[in-house]
């Protein structure tokens, strides 16, 4: 029987704490921490809003030749972000200079907009369409549709 690896949640970094301080200040919607968006590769995002399908990554170590800007780490990040995007998860990346009240407020508003959009799409009453198969004009491919 294969042994299961347990990965304890890491404590928040200084940048993640700063991001969350601003996020809470602007009353951003609840976020999932270290959300695993890909079960096969076991990739995690620093933060995710599940309803809006948005991933937020906090990129640290950019001024000290950290993991995110060395070749292997940078390539691994690109692969992860590509997979997330193709799976329908837009990734928003924040470096130290992007974690400002203004930017975090804009991000929170974007998440709220996505929540409203998904909520509206799923709750709209699907009215049956009545199709008049009488051609319009000279183009038989154009049909008149009434809702």
N, C-alpha and C. Protein backbone atom coordinates (compact mmCIF):
# COMPACT_ATOMS: atom_id res chain seq x y z
N UNK A 1 0.86 -1.18 0.00
CA UNK A 1 0.00 0.00 0.00
C UNK A 1 0.90 1.24 0.00
N UNK A 2 0.69 2.15 -0.96
CA UNK A 2 1.54 3.34 -1.01
C UNK A 2 1.25 4.25 0.18
N UNK A 3 2.30 4.85 0.69
CA UNK A 3 2.10 5.77 1.81
C UNK A 3 1.62 7.12 1.29
N UNK A 4 0.78 7.74 2.05
CA UNK A 4 0.26 9.05 1.68
C UNK A 4 1.18 10.12 2.26
N UNK A 5 1.51 11.09 1.43
CA UNK A 5 2.34 12.20 1.92
C UNK A 5 1.43 13.28 2.46
N UNK A 6 1.73 13.71 3.64
CA UNK A 6 0.98 14.80 4.23
C UNK A 6 1.81 16.07 4.13
N UNK A 7 1.20 17.11 3.63
CA UNK A 7 1.87 18.39 3.54
C UNK A 7 1.10 19.37 4.40
N UNK A 8 1.70 19.73 5.51
CA UNK A 8 1.06 20.68 6.41
C UNK A 8 1.01 22.04 5.72
N UNK A 9 -0.07 22.78 5.93
CA UNK A 9 -0.13 24.12 5.34
C UNK A 9 1.04 24.97 5.85
N UNK A 10 1.67 25.65 4.93
CA UNK A 10 2.77 26.52 5.31
C UNK A 10 2.22 27.78 5.96
N UNK A 11 3.04 28.35 6.84
CA UNK A 11 2.59 29.61 7.43
C UNK A 11 2.66 30.69 6.36
N UNK A 12 1.89 31.72 6.56
CA UNK A 12 1.82 32.81 5.58
C UNK A 12 3.16 33.54 5.50
N UNK A 13 3.54 33.89 4.29
CA UNK A 13 4.73 34.71 4.09
C UNK A 13 4.39 36.15 4.44
N UNK A 14 5.40 36.97 4.55
CA UNK A 14 5.21 38.39 4.82
C UNK A 14 4.34 39.04 3.74
N UNK A 15 4.59 38.68 2.48
CA UNK A 15 3.80 39.26 1.38
C UNK A 15 2.36 38.76 1.40
N UNK A 16 2.16 37.48 1.70
CA UNK A 16 0.79 36.95 1.79
C UNK A 16 0.02 37.63 2.92
N UNK A 17 0.70 37.88 4.03
CA UNK A 17 0.05 38.59 5.14
C UNK A 17 -0.35 40.00 4.72
N UNK A 18 0.53 40.67 3.99
CA UNK A 18 0.22 42.03 3.53
C UNK A 18 -0.96 42.01 2.56
N UNK A 19 -0.95 41.03 1.63
CA UNK A 19 -2.07 40.91 0.69
C UNK A 19 -3.38 40.70 1.45
N UNK A 20 -3.39 39.78 2.41
CA UNK A 20 -4.62 39.49 3.17
C UNK A 20 -5.05 40.66 4.03
N UNK A 21 -4.09 41.43 4.55
CA UNK A 21 -4.45 42.62 5.33
C UNK A 21 -5.25 43.58 4.45
N UNK A 22 -4.76 43.84 3.23
CA UNK A 22 -5.49 44.71 2.31
C UNK A 22 -6.81 44.07 1.89
N UNK A 23 -6.79 42.77 1.59
CA UNK A 23 -7.99 42.05 1.16
C UNK A 23 -9.10 42.17 2.20
N UNK A 24 -8.73 41.97 3.46
CA UNK A 24 -9.71 42.09 4.55
C UNK A 24 -10.17 43.53 4.72
N UNK A 25 -9.27 44.48 4.51
CA UNK A 25 -9.61 45.90 4.63
C UNK A 25 -10.68 46.29 3.61
N UNK A 26 -10.57 45.76 2.38
CA UNK A 26 -11.54 46.10 1.34
C UNK A 26 -12.74 45.14 1.36
N UNK A 27 -12.77 44.27 2.37
CA UNK A 27 -13.87 43.30 2.54
C UNK A 27 -14.02 42.41 1.31
N UNK A 28 -12.88 41.89 0.84
CA UNK A 28 -12.90 40.96 -0.29
C UNK A 28 -13.60 39.67 0.10
N UNK A 29 -14.19 38.98 -0.88
CA UNK A 29 -14.86 37.71 -0.60
C UNK A 29 -13.88 36.68 -0.04
N UNK A 30 -14.40 35.73 0.70
CA UNK A 30 -13.54 34.70 1.29
C UNK A 30 -12.73 33.98 0.23
N UNK A 31 -11.48 33.72 0.57
CA UNK A 31 -10.57 33.01 -0.33
C UNK A 31 -10.16 31.68 0.28
N UNK A 32 -9.91 30.70 -0.57
CA UNK A 32 -9.32 29.44 -0.13
C UNK A 32 -7.82 29.61 -0.18
N UNK A 33 -7.12 29.09 0.80
CA UNK A 33 -5.67 29.19 0.86
C UNK A 33 -5.06 27.88 0.40
N UNK A 34 -3.97 27.97 -0.35
CA UNK A 34 -3.25 26.81 -0.89
C UNK A 34 -4.22 25.83 -1.56
N UNK A 35 -5.01 26.36 -2.47
CA UNK A 35 -6.02 25.57 -3.15
C UNK A 35 -5.37 24.70 -4.23
N UNK A 36 -5.66 23.42 -4.19
CA UNK A 36 -5.14 22.49 -5.19
C UNK A 36 -6.08 22.48 -6.39
N UNK A 37 -5.67 23.13 -7.48
CA UNK A 37 -6.53 23.24 -8.66
C UNK A 37 -6.28 22.13 -9.66
N UNK A 38 -5.25 21.33 -9.46
CA UNK A 38 -4.94 20.23 -10.37
C UNK A 38 -4.56 19.01 -9.54
N UNK A 39 -5.46 18.02 -9.52
CA UNK A 39 -5.23 16.85 -8.67
C UNK A 39 -4.08 15.98 -9.18
N UNK A 40 -3.93 15.89 -10.50
CA UNK A 40 -2.89 15.03 -11.06
C UNK A 40 -1.50 15.56 -10.75
N UNK A 41 -1.27 16.82 -11.03
CA UNK A 41 0.05 17.42 -10.78
C UNK A 41 0.18 17.95 -9.36
N UNK A 42 -0.92 17.99 -8.63
CA UNK A 42 -0.93 18.45 -7.24
C UNK A 42 -0.49 19.90 -7.10
N UNK A 43 -0.72 20.69 -8.15
CA UNK A 43 -0.38 22.11 -8.10
C UNK A 43 -1.33 22.83 -7.16
N UNK A 44 -0.80 23.79 -6.47
CA UNK A 44 -1.59 24.62 -5.57
C UNK A 44 -1.42 26.08 -5.94
N UNK A 45 -2.44 26.84 -5.67
CA UNK A 45 -2.37 28.30 -5.82
C UNK A 45 -2.35 28.88 -4.41
N UNK A 46 -1.69 30.01 -4.25
CA UNK A 46 -1.64 30.65 -2.93
C UNK A 46 -3.04 30.94 -2.43
N UNK A 47 -3.87 31.51 -3.30
CA UNK A 47 -5.26 31.81 -2.94
C UNK A 47 -6.15 31.52 -4.13
N UNK A 48 -7.39 31.15 -3.83
CA UNK A 48 -8.37 30.90 -4.90
C UNK A 48 -9.74 31.34 -4.43
N UNK A 49 -10.51 31.85 -5.38
CA UNK A 49 -11.92 32.07 -5.13
C UNK A 49 -12.64 31.10 -6.04
N UNK A 50 -13.27 30.09 -5.43
CA UNK A 50 -13.83 28.97 -6.19
C UNK A 50 -15.01 29.39 -7.05
N UNK A 51 -15.91 30.17 -6.51
CA UNK A 51 -17.11 30.56 -7.26
C UNK A 51 -16.75 31.38 -8.49
N UNK A 52 -15.76 32.26 -8.35
CA UNK A 52 -15.35 33.11 -9.48
C UNK A 52 -14.30 32.42 -10.35
N UNK A 53 -13.81 31.26 -9.92
CA UNK A 53 -12.75 30.50 -10.63
C UNK A 53 -11.55 31.41 -10.93
N UNK A 54 -11.01 31.99 -9.86
CA UNK A 54 -9.87 32.89 -9.96
C UNK A 54 -8.78 32.39 -9.03
N UNK A 55 -7.55 32.35 -9.54
CA UNK A 55 -6.39 32.01 -8.72
C UNK A 55 -5.54 33.25 -8.52
N UNK A 56 -4.99 33.38 -7.33
CA UNK A 56 -4.12 34.52 -7.00
C UNK A 56 -2.80 33.95 -6.49
N UNK A 57 -1.72 34.38 -7.12
CA UNK A 57 -0.39 33.94 -6.72
C UNK A 57 0.40 35.12 -6.19
N UNK A 58 1.08 34.93 -5.08
CA UNK A 58 1.94 35.94 -4.50
C UNK A 58 3.37 35.52 -4.80
N UNK A 59 4.05 36.34 -5.59
CA UNK A 59 5.40 36.01 -6.04
C UNK A 59 6.42 36.73 -5.18
N UNK A 60 7.14 35.98 -4.39
CA UNK A 60 8.16 36.57 -3.54
C UNK A 60 9.55 36.27 -4.08
N UNK A 61 10.53 36.84 -3.45
CA UNK A 61 11.93 36.55 -3.78
C UNK A 61 12.38 37.07 -5.13
N UNK A 62 11.71 38.06 -5.67
CA UNK A 62 12.09 38.50 -7.02
C UNK A 62 13.35 39.36 -7.01
N UNK A 63 13.71 39.94 -5.87
CA UNK A 63 14.90 40.79 -5.82
C UNK A 63 16.12 40.04 -5.28
N UNK A 64 15.96 38.81 -4.88
CA UNK A 64 17.08 38.07 -4.30
C UNK A 64 17.38 36.79 -5.09
N UNK A 65 17.04 36.81 -6.36
CA UNK A 65 17.23 35.63 -7.21
C UNK A 65 16.55 34.41 -6.60
N UNK A 66 15.30 34.60 -6.19
CA UNK A 66 14.53 33.53 -5.57
C UNK A 66 14.01 32.53 -6.59
N UNK A 67 13.23 31.60 -6.12
CA UNK A 67 12.72 30.49 -6.92
C UNK A 67 12.00 30.96 -8.17
N UNK A 68 11.24 32.05 -8.07
CA UNK A 68 10.40 32.48 -9.18
C UNK A 68 11.17 33.09 -10.35
N UNK A 69 12.42 33.48 -10.13
CA UNK A 69 13.14 34.05 -11.26
C UNK A 69 14.44 33.32 -11.58
N UNK A 70 14.63 32.14 -11.06
CA UNK A 70 15.69 31.26 -11.55
C UNK A 70 15.07 30.40 -12.64
N UNK A 71 15.86 29.97 -13.58
CA UNK A 71 15.33 29.31 -14.79
C UNK A 71 14.39 28.15 -14.48
N UNK A 72 14.80 27.21 -13.66
CA UNK A 72 13.96 26.03 -13.39
C UNK A 72 12.65 26.41 -12.72
N UNK A 73 12.70 27.28 -11.73
CA UNK A 73 11.49 27.71 -11.03
C UNK A 73 10.58 28.52 -11.92
N UNK A 74 11.17 29.40 -12.72
CA UNK A 74 10.39 30.23 -13.64
C UNK A 74 9.67 29.34 -14.65
N UNK A 75 10.38 28.35 -15.21
CA UNK A 75 9.77 27.42 -16.17
C UNK A 75 8.65 26.61 -15.53
N UNK A 76 8.86 26.16 -14.30
CA UNK A 76 7.83 25.40 -13.60
C UNK A 76 6.59 26.26 -13.36
N UNK A 77 6.81 27.54 -13.01
CA UNK A 77 5.68 28.45 -12.82
C UNK A 77 4.91 28.64 -14.13
N UNK A 78 5.64 28.80 -15.23
CA UNK A 78 4.98 28.97 -16.53
C UNK A 78 4.11 27.77 -16.87
N UNK A 79 4.63 26.57 -16.62
CA UNK A 79 3.87 25.34 -16.88
C UNK A 79 2.60 25.30 -16.02
N UNK A 80 2.74 25.65 -14.76
CA UNK A 80 1.61 25.66 -13.83
C UNK A 80 0.56 26.68 -14.25
N UNK A 81 0.98 27.89 -14.61
CA UNK A 81 0.03 28.93 -15.00
C UNK A 81 -0.65 28.61 -16.31
N UNK A 82 0.06 27.99 -17.23
CA UNK A 82 -0.54 27.57 -18.50
C UNK A 82 -1.63 26.53 -18.24
N UNK A 83 -1.32 25.54 -17.42
CA UNK A 83 -2.30 24.49 -17.10
C UNK A 83 -3.52 25.10 -16.41
N UNK A 84 -3.31 26.03 -15.50
CA UNK A 84 -4.43 26.66 -14.81
C UNK A 84 -5.31 27.42 -15.80
N UNK A 85 -4.69 28.21 -16.67
CA UNK A 85 -5.46 28.98 -17.65
C UNK A 85 -6.24 28.08 -18.59
N UNK A 86 -5.62 27.01 -19.05
CA UNK A 86 -6.32 26.09 -19.96
C UNK A 86 -7.46 25.36 -19.27
N UNK A 87 -7.37 25.23 -17.95
CA UNK A 87 -8.45 24.59 -17.18
C UNK A 87 -9.52 25.59 -16.77
N UNK A 88 -9.40 26.84 -17.23
CA UNK A 88 -10.42 27.84 -16.94
C UNK A 88 -10.19 28.62 -15.66
N UNK A 89 -8.96 28.60 -15.17
CA UNK A 89 -8.61 29.34 -13.96
C UNK A 89 -7.66 30.47 -14.32
N UNK A 90 -8.12 31.69 -14.52
CA UNK A 90 -7.18 32.79 -14.74
C UNK A 90 -6.31 32.99 -13.50
N UNK A 91 -5.05 33.27 -13.72
CA UNK A 91 -4.10 33.45 -12.63
C UNK A 91 -3.69 34.91 -12.57
N UNK A 92 -3.84 35.52 -11.40
CA UNK A 92 -3.43 36.89 -11.18
C UNK A 92 -2.22 36.85 -10.25
N UNK A 93 -1.11 37.42 -10.73
CA UNK A 93 0.15 37.37 -10.00
C UNK A 93 0.46 38.71 -9.37
N UNK A 94 0.82 38.67 -8.09
CA UNK A 94 1.19 39.87 -7.36
C UNK A 94 2.62 39.72 -6.86
N UNK A 95 3.48 40.65 -7.25
CA UNK A 95 4.81 40.75 -6.67
C UNK A 95 4.76 41.76 -5.55
N UNK A 96 5.88 41.99 -4.88
CA UNK A 96 5.88 42.93 -3.76
C UNK A 96 5.36 44.32 -4.13
N UNK A 97 5.70 44.81 -5.30
CA UNK A 97 5.28 46.15 -5.70
C UNK A 97 3.82 46.22 -6.13
N UNK A 98 3.19 45.08 -6.41
CA UNK A 98 1.79 45.07 -6.83
C UNK A 98 0.84 44.94 -5.64
N UNK A 99 1.36 44.58 -4.48
CA UNK A 99 0.49 44.41 -3.31
C UNK A 99 0.28 45.77 -2.67
N UNK A 100 -0.64 46.51 -3.26
CA UNK A 100 -1.02 47.83 -2.76
C UNK A 100 -2.52 47.81 -2.49
N UNK A 101 -2.97 48.75 -1.68
CA UNK A 101 -4.40 48.82 -1.38
C UNK A 101 -5.20 48.97 -2.68
N UNK A 102 -4.73 49.84 -3.57
CA UNK A 102 -5.45 50.07 -4.82
C UNK A 102 -5.55 48.79 -5.66
N UNK A 103 -4.45 48.09 -5.83
CA UNK A 103 -4.47 46.87 -6.65
C UNK A 103 -5.30 45.76 -6.02
N UNK A 104 -5.19 45.60 -4.71
CA UNK A 104 -5.97 44.55 -4.04
C UNK A 104 -7.45 44.89 -4.10
N UNK A 105 -7.78 46.17 -3.99
CA UNK A 105 -9.19 46.58 -4.12
C UNK A 105 -9.70 46.28 -5.53
N UNK A 106 -8.89 46.56 -6.54
CA UNK A 106 -9.28 46.24 -7.92
C UNK A 106 -9.48 44.73 -8.10
N UNK A 107 -8.61 43.93 -7.48
CA UNK A 107 -8.73 42.48 -7.57
C UNK A 107 -10.01 42.00 -6.89
N UNK A 108 -10.30 42.54 -5.71
CA UNK A 108 -11.52 42.16 -5.00
C UNK A 108 -12.76 42.51 -5.82
N UNK A 109 -12.74 43.67 -6.47
CA UNK A 109 -13.88 44.07 -7.30
C UNK A 109 -14.02 43.14 -8.50
N UNK A 110 -12.89 42.71 -9.07
CA UNK A 110 -12.95 41.78 -10.20
C UNK A 110 -13.57 40.45 -9.75
N UNK A 111 -13.19 39.97 -8.59
CA UNK A 111 -13.76 38.72 -8.07
C UNK A 111 -15.26 38.90 -7.85
N UNK A 112 -15.66 40.02 -7.28
CA UNK A 112 -17.10 40.28 -7.08
C UNK A 112 -17.84 40.31 -8.41
N UNK A 113 -17.24 40.94 -9.42
CA UNK A 113 -17.86 40.99 -10.76
C UNK A 113 -18.02 39.58 -11.33
N UNK A 114 -17.00 38.76 -11.17
CA UNK A 114 -17.07 37.38 -11.66
C UNK A 114 -18.14 36.60 -10.91
N UNK A 115 -18.25 36.82 -9.62
CA UNK A 115 -19.29 36.15 -8.84
C UNK A 115 -20.67 36.53 -9.36
N UNK A 116 -20.86 37.83 -9.61
CA UNK A 116 -22.15 38.28 -10.13
C UNK A 116 -22.41 37.69 -11.51
N UNK A 117 -21.39 37.66 -12.34
CA UNK A 117 -21.55 37.14 -13.70
C UNK A 117 -21.93 35.66 -13.66
N UNK A 118 -21.21 34.87 -12.88
CA UNK A 118 -21.53 33.45 -12.80
C UNK A 118 -22.88 33.23 -12.16
N UNK A 119 -23.22 34.03 -11.15
CA UNK A 119 -24.51 33.92 -10.48
C UNK A 119 -25.64 34.24 -11.45
N UNK A 120 -25.47 35.30 -12.23
CA UNK A 120 -26.49 35.70 -13.20
C UNK A 120 -26.65 34.65 -14.29
N UNK A 121 -25.54 34.12 -14.78
CA UNK A 121 -25.61 33.11 -15.84
C UNK A 121 -26.34 31.87 -15.37
N UNK A 122 -26.09 31.46 -14.13
CA UNK A 122 -26.68 30.21 -13.65
C UNK A 122 -28.12 30.36 -13.20
N UNK A 123 -28.54 31.60 -12.87
CA UNK A 123 -29.91 31.76 -12.36
C UNK A 123 -30.87 32.36 -13.38
N UNK A 124 -30.38 32.70 -14.54
CA UNK A 124 -31.28 33.23 -15.56
C UNK A 124 -32.28 32.15 -15.96
N UNK A 125 -33.54 32.54 -16.02
CA UNK A 125 -34.55 31.59 -16.46
C UNK A 125 -34.33 31.33 -17.95
N UNK A 126 -34.20 30.09 -18.27
CA UNK A 126 -34.00 29.72 -19.68
C UNK A 126 -35.36 29.73 -20.36
N UNK A 127 -35.62 30.85 -21.06
CA UNK A 127 -36.89 30.95 -21.77
C UNK A 127 -36.77 30.17 -23.08
N UNK A 128 -37.77 29.38 -23.39
CA UNK A 128 -37.70 28.67 -24.67
C UNK A 128 -37.77 29.67 -25.81
N UNK A 129 -36.98 29.41 -26.81
CA UNK A 129 -36.99 30.30 -27.97
C UNK A 129 -37.96 29.77 -29.01
N UNK A 130 -38.69 30.69 -29.58
CA UNK A 130 -39.59 30.35 -30.67
C UNK A 130 -38.89 30.75 -31.96
N UNK A 131 -38.68 29.80 -32.80
CA UNK A 131 -37.94 30.07 -34.02
C UNK A 131 -38.91 30.11 -35.20
N UNK A 132 -38.84 31.20 -35.92
CA UNK A 132 -39.63 31.35 -37.14
C UNK A 132 -38.71 30.94 -38.29
N UNK A 133 -39.00 29.81 -38.89
CA UNK A 133 -38.12 29.29 -39.93
C UNK A 133 -38.31 29.98 -41.28
N UNK A 134 -39.10 31.01 -41.28
CA UNK A 134 -39.26 31.78 -42.49
C UNK A 134 -37.98 32.59 -42.70
N UNK A 135 -37.35 32.44 -43.83
CA UNK A 135 -36.08 33.12 -44.10
C UNK A 135 -36.27 34.63 -44.10
N UNK A 136 -35.26 35.30 -43.66
CA UNK A 136 -35.25 36.75 -43.69
C UNK A 136 -34.38 37.21 -44.84
N UNK A 137 -34.89 38.08 -45.64
CA UNK A 137 -34.10 38.62 -46.73
C UNK A 137 -33.73 37.56 -47.76
N UNK A 138 -32.63 37.80 -48.43
CA UNK A 138 -32.16 36.88 -49.46
C UNK A 138 -31.30 35.77 -48.90
N UNK A 139 -30.93 35.83 -47.62
CA UNK A 139 -30.03 34.85 -47.04
C UNK A 139 -30.84 33.78 -46.31
N UNK A 140 -30.94 32.56 -46.87
CA UNK A 140 -31.73 31.52 -46.22
C UNK A 140 -31.11 31.04 -44.91
N UNK A 141 -29.84 31.37 -44.64
CA UNK A 141 -29.21 30.93 -43.41
C UNK A 141 -29.61 31.80 -42.21
N UNK A 142 -30.14 33.00 -42.49
CA UNK A 142 -30.54 33.89 -41.41
C UNK A 142 -31.98 33.60 -41.04
N UNK A 143 -32.21 33.33 -39.77
CA UNK A 143 -33.56 33.01 -39.30
C UNK A 143 -33.98 34.03 -38.27
N UNK A 144 -35.26 34.28 -38.21
CA UNK A 144 -35.81 35.18 -37.22
C UNK A 144 -36.06 34.38 -35.95
N UNK A 145 -35.56 34.91 -34.81
CA UNK A 145 -35.72 34.23 -33.54
C UNK A 145 -36.44 35.16 -32.59
N UNK A 146 -37.46 34.65 -31.94
CA UNK A 146 -38.20 35.43 -30.95
C UNK A 146 -37.96 34.83 -29.59
N UNK A 147 -37.82 35.69 -28.59
CA UNK A 147 -37.64 35.20 -27.21
C UNK A 147 -38.88 35.48 -26.41
